Amino acid sequence: MSESDQAAQITQLQQQQALMTQALVAALQGKWTGAGSVEALVYALDPGLTGTLEPLDIPVTESELDTLPKG
């Protein structure tokens, strides 16, 4: 493997790591769908998944359940 091939692979891995980090931040911020969301970043990591993910079952903390409308 040539140095240029190795450099290209390292660049790709760095980009993938950046997307994974952004996805973790989005998850911590509760951004599950839409622009800059976990879903969007997963699609950026693997465009082949576009349209194949099921709707996300967004986690809700018990404290948030108290503030949701009843009924």
Protein backbone atom coordinates (compact mmCIF):
# COMPACT_ATOMS: atom_id res chain seq x y z
CA MET A 1 0.00 0.00 0.00
CA SER A 2 1.45 3.34 -1.03
CA GLU A 3 1.81 6.35 1.24
CA SER A 4 -0.87 8.21 -0.70
CA ASP A 5 -3.29 5.30 -0.19
CA GLN A 6 -2.52 5.28 3.52
CA ALA A 7 -2.99 9.04 3.72
CA ALA A 8 -6.36 8.76 1.96
CA GLN A 9 -7.48 6.04 4.37
CA ILE A 10 -6.40 8.11 7.38
CA THR A 11 -8.31 11.11 6.03
CA GLN A 12 -11.41 8.98 5.53
CA LEU A 13 -11.17 7.55 9.05
CA GLN A 14 -10.79 11.07 10.48
CA GLN A 15 -13.91 12.19 8.63
CA GLN A 16 -15.84 9.16 9.86
CA GLN A 17 -14.68 9.77 13.41
CA ALA A 18 -15.82 13.39 13.18
CA LEU A 19 -19.27 12.27 12.01
CA MET A 20 -19.50 9.71 14.83
CA THR A 21 -18.57 12.39 17.36
CA GLN A 22 -21.19 14.75 15.92
CA ALA A 23 -23.78 11.97 16.12
CA LEU A 24 -22.96 11.39 19.80
CA VAL A 25 -23.30 15.12 20.50
CA ALA A 26 -26.62 15.19 18.64
CA ALA A 27 -27.83 12.23 20.71
CA LEU A 28 -26.85 13.97 23.94
CA GLN A 29 -28.72 17.07 22.76
CA GLY A 30 -31.79 15.02 21.84
CA LYS A 31 -31.55 15.79 18.11
CA TRP A 32 -32.84 12.51 16.71
CA THR A 33 -34.27 13.60 13.35
CA GLY A 34 -33.83 16.52 10.95
CA ALA A 35 -30.77 18.50 9.95
CA GLY A 36 -27.71 17.82 12.12
CA SER A 37 -29.47 14.90 13.81
CA VAL A 38 -28.35 11.41 14.71
CA GLU A 39 -30.39 10.10 11.78
CA ALA A 40 -28.81 12.54 9.30
CA LEU A 41 -25.30 11.74 10.52
CA VAL A 42 -25.91 7.98 10.26
CA TYR A 43 -27.00 8.53 6.66
CA ALA A 44 -23.84 10.61 6.07
CA LEU A 45 -21.73 7.76 7.38
CA ASP A 46 -23.47 5.21 5.17
CA PRO A 47 -25.56 6.70 2.34
CA GLY A 48 -26.71 3.18 1.49
CA LEU A 49 -28.92 3.28 4.57
CA THR A 50 -30.94 6.23 3.27
CA GLY A 51 -34.62 5.40 3.51
CA THR A 52 -34.02 2.09 5.26
CA LEU A 53 -34.02 3.18 8.90
CA GLU A 54 -37.20 2.69 10.86
CA PRO A 55 -38.54 5.73 12.67
CA LEU A 56 -36.46 6.24 15.76
CA ASP A 57 -37.97 5.32 19.10
CA ILE A 58 -36.81 8.47 20.80
CA PRO A 59 -35.88 7.89 24.43
CA VAL A 60 -37.71 10.04 26.95
CA THR A 61 -36.64 10.45 30.57
CA GLU A 62 -39.17 9.99 33.34
CA SER A 63 -38.93 13.69 34.20
CA GLU A 64 -39.91 14.55 30.61
CA LEU A 65 -42.89 12.19 30.78
CA ASP A 66 -44.41 14.40 33.49
CA THR A 67 -44.42 17.39 31.14
CA LEU A 68 -46.02 15.62 28.16
CA PRO A 69 -49.70 16.34 27.46
CA LYS A 70 -52.05 13.71 28.81
CA GLY A 71 -54.52 11.92 26.58
